[in-house]
Protein backbone atom coordinates (compact mmCIF):
# COMPACT_ATOMS: atom_id res chain seq x y z
CA MET A 1 72.92 217.96 0.49
CA SER A 2 75.82 219.96 -0.23
CA ASP A 3 79.54 218.49 -1.19
CA SER A 4 80.06 220.07 2.24
CA ASP A 5 77.89 218.62 4.82
CA PRO A 6 79.66 217.31 7.96
CA ASN A 7 78.01 214.00 8.08
CA PRO A 8 76.39 213.33 4.42
CA HIS A 9 74.27 209.50 6.37
CA ASN A 10 71.94 212.85 7.49
CA ARG A 11 69.21 212.29 5.61
CA PRO A 12 65.87 210.98 5.20
CA LEU A 13 65.07 207.69 4.23
CA PHE A 14 62.48 207.15 1.37
CA ALA A 15 58.74 205.31 2.47
CA ASP A 16 57.30 202.91 -0.11
CA GLU A 17 54.88 201.41 -0.10
CA PHE A 18 55.11 197.18 0.29
CA THR A 19 54.05 195.02 -1.85
CA ALA A 20 54.60 190.97 -2.64
CA ALA A 21 57.06 192.39 -5.20
CA ASP A 22 59.39 193.71 -2.04
CA GLN A 23 59.87 190.03 -0.68
CA PRO A 24 62.85 189.39 -2.77
CA PHE A 25 64.85 192.53 -1.35
CA LEU A 26 64.50 191.83 2.38
CA ALA A 27 66.07 188.08 2.07
CA GLY A 28 68.66 190.00 4.16
CA LEU A 29 66.88 191.86 6.15
CA ARG A 30 67.84 191.00 10.09
CA CYS A 31 66.38 192.73 13.05
CA GLY A 32 68.24 191.14 15.34
CA ASP A 33 68.69 187.75 17.79
CA GLU A 34 66.12 189.45 19.99
CA PRO A 35 62.79 187.19 19.96
CA TRP A 36 61.11 190.55 19.30
CA ALA A 37 63.39 190.88 16.37
CA GLN A 38 63.10 187.87 15.12
CA ALA A 39 59.06 188.10 15.32
CA ALA A 40 59.64 191.17 13.34
CA THR A 41 61.54 189.61 10.63
CA GLU A 42 59.80 186.47 10.63
CA TRP A 43 56.38 188.69 9.71
CA ILE A 44 57.89 190.42 7.05
CA THR A 45 59.71 188.31 4.96
CA GLY A 46 56.95 185.41 5.96
CA SER A 47 53.47 185.22 4.53
CA GLU A 48 52.24 186.71 7.89
CA VAL A 49 52.61 190.29 5.93
CA LEU A 50 50.38 189.06 3.10
CA ASP A 51 47.74 187.63 5.12
CA SER A 52 47.94 191.26 7.08
CA ILE A 53 47.10 192.87 4.34
CA SER A 54 44.43 190.89 2.95
CA LYS A 55 42.40 190.39 6.28
CA TYR A 56 43.26 193.44 8.11
CA ARG A 57 43.62 195.98 4.50
CA THR A 58 46.92 197.53 6.79
CA LYS A 59 49.42 199.44 4.62
CA VAL A 60 52.74 198.45 4.82
CA TRP A 61 56.02 200.68 3.82
CA VAL A 62 59.59 199.45 3.06
CA TYR A 63 62.24 202.15 4.35
CA ARG A 64 65.09 202.36 1.29
CA ASN A 65 68.53 204.88 1.79
CA SER A 66 67.29 206.59 -1.31
CA ASP A 67 64.68 205.96 -4.37
CA ALA A 68 66.90 204.28 -6.23
CA ASP A 69 68.47 201.58 -3.28
CA GLU A 70 67.10 198.35 -3.32
CA SER A 71 68.32 197.76 0.16
CA ILE A 72 65.56 198.01 2.75
CA VAL A 73 66.18 199.90 6.36
CA GLY A 74 63.37 198.80 8.16
CA PHE A 75 59.94 198.46 8.00
CA GLY A 76 56.10 199.96 9.13
CA SER A 77 52.72 198.80 8.99
CA LEU A 78 49.33 200.54 9.95
CA ALA A 79 45.83 198.75 10.16
CA ALA A 80 42.23 200.05 11.73
CA SER A 81 40.97 197.22 14.19
CA GLY A 82 37.41 196.44 14.74
CA ASP A 83 35.37 197.34 17.61
CA THR A 84 37.12 197.15 20.86
CA THR A 85 35.93 196.74 24.72
CA TRP A 86 37.14 200.30 26.31
CA PRO A 87 38.06 200.97 28.42
CA PRO A 88 39.80 197.47 29.14
CA PRO A 89 39.73 194.88 30.66
CA ASP A 90 35.45 194.75 30.48
CA GLY A 91 34.47 198.39 29.44
CA LYS A 92 30.88 199.19 28.41
CA LYS A 93 32.00 201.14 24.85
CA ARG A 94 32.83 200.09 21.96
CA SER A 95 35.56 201.57 19.65
CA ARG A 96 38.27 201.46 17.02
CA LEU A 97 41.83 202.02 17.55
CA LEU A 98 44.36 202.74 14.98
CA TYR A 99 47.34 199.49 15.31
CA LEU A 100 50.93 199.19 14.42
CA PRO A 101 50.93 195.53 14.07
CA GLN A 102 54.82 195.28 13.00
CA LEU A 103 57.96 197.27 12.82
CA GLY A 104 61.45 196.71 12.47
CA LEU A 105 64.73 198.19 11.49
CA ASP A 106 67.95 196.22 10.26
CA GLN A 107 70.24 195.26 12.89
CA LYS A 108 72.82 197.07 10.82
CA PHE A 109 71.05 200.76 10.84
CA ARG A 110 70.78 200.25 14.99
CA GLY A 111 71.52 203.67 16.45
CA TYR A 112 72.26 205.14 13.08
CA PRO A 113 72.67 207.42 11.69
CA PRO A 114 74.06 208.90 15.32
CA ASP A 115 71.69 212.17 15.11
CA PRO A 116 68.99 212.00 16.34
CA GLU A 117 66.95 214.22 13.97
CA TRP A 118 68.10 211.31 11.46
CA ARG A 119 67.94 208.80 13.36
CA TYR A 120 65.85 206.23 10.88
CA SER A 121 64.72 204.35 13.81
CA ASN A 122 62.97 208.03 14.60
CA GLN A 123 62.02 208.38 10.98
CA ILE A 124 60.15 205.59 10.56
CA LEU A 125 58.15 206.11 13.45
CA GLU A 126 57.37 209.94 12.47
CA HIS A 127 56.50 208.55 9.21
CA LEU A 128 54.09 205.92 11.20
CA ILE A 129 52.35 208.05 13.15
CA GLY A 130 51.61 211.00 9.94
CA GLU A 131 50.42 207.73 8.57
CA ALA A 132 47.95 206.98 11.50
CA LYS A 133 47.33 211.37 11.32
CA LEU A 134 46.76 211.11 7.68
CA LEU A 135 43.71 207.82 8.06
CA ALA A 136 42.51 209.23 11.87
CA LYS A 137 41.39 212.17 9.71
CA GLN A 138 39.93 210.37 6.66
CA ILE A 139 37.71 207.97 8.44
CA ARG A 140 36.63 211.70 10.56
CA LYS A 141 35.54 212.81 6.39
CA GLU A 142 33.87 209.15 5.82
CA LYS A 143 32.68 207.63 8.69
CA PRO A 144 30.29 208.42 11.65
CA PRO A 145 31.08 210.19 14.93
CA SER A 146 30.87 206.32 17.07
CA LYS A 147 33.47 205.54 13.94
CA HIS A 148 36.27 208.05 14.56
CA VAL A 149 39.75 207.29 15.96
CA ASP A 150 42.28 208.95 17.77
CA LEU A 151 43.83 206.70 19.72
CA LEU A 152 47.94 204.92 17.81
CA THR A 153 48.38 201.50 19.79
CA LEU A 154 51.28 199.24 19.47
CA LYS A 155 52.46 196.13 21.69
CA VAL A 156 56.15 196.53 22.81
CA HIS A 157 57.66 192.84 24.13
CA ARG A 158 58.49 193.35 27.92
CA GLU A 159 61.89 192.71 27.99
CA ASN A 160 62.33 195.40 24.57
CA THR A 161 63.49 198.68 26.90
CA ALA A 162 64.70 200.69 24.31
CA ALA A 163 61.62 200.41 21.75
CA ARG A 164 59.64 201.44 24.81
CA ARG A 165 62.13 204.12 25.26
CA VAL A 166 61.61 205.30 22.33
CA TYR A 167 58.08 205.39 21.66
CA GLU A 168 57.77 207.43 25.00
CA ARG A 169 59.35 210.10 23.61
CA TYR A 170 57.01 210.26 21.29
CA GLY A 171 54.21 210.66 23.68
CA PHE A 172 53.39 206.64 23.48
CA GLU A 173 52.07 205.85 27.11
CA LEU A 174 51.17 202.12 28.88
CA LEU A 175 47.94 200.69 28.30
CA PRO A 176 46.36 199.55 31.23
CA GLY A 177 44.77 195.75 30.77
CA PHE A 178 45.92 195.07 27.59
CA GLU A 179 49.68 193.61 28.51
CA ASP A 180 49.64 190.32 28.16
CA LYS A 181 52.66 187.82 29.12
CA GLU A 182 55.39 188.99 27.09
CA HIS A 183 53.96 192.12 26.10
CA PHE A 184 52.92 195.71 27.30
CA MET A 185 50.35 197.43 24.59
CA MET A 186 51.07 201.46 24.80
CA SER A 187 48.83 204.02 22.67
CA LEU A 188 49.62 207.56 21.68
CA ARG A 189 46.28 210.31 21.36
CA LEU A 190 46.96 211.80 17.85
CA GLU A 191 46.59 215.63 17.55
CA LEU A 192 44.36 215.82 14.45
CA GLY A 193 43.73 219.83 14.43
CA GLU A 194 40.28 219.69 14.30
């Protein structure tokens, strides 16, 4: 980046794999006051994130403005599910899915930077989709075809229309049969470039 850059805030985030040692740096993280934002904050700052890592081998990343910056912009996570009945609700096939258990952005970084190409929420989602593709390719190398995955899923709160619009921009679609009272399930078929 040069000194003549018209917007010095347009820069990539740094993604670091989360460890328990990162939790003290999350003390000031607030994803917002909405129920889904509070749930995201509680997940990453409490014991749920560590439980998810140990029980489900969830991979979690924290995102920073620079590699020297200890303040965290947001976080994201990725896991592979066990066998799931497919298609919902009472399908005969058992399938594995890739799943984004939780992701969040500190509320002070919502809509920031203004340039959508550099927006932090977009960078986080693009990183998670990229990691999901890498995991799907790794599974294809290591597992028999019956264990292959190419569907990335997530839950979004029914009232979180802003997040739903972001997911739809990236190709996620509603996945009928998996919704509950508070959430829609969305999925993205990963292009793995056979």
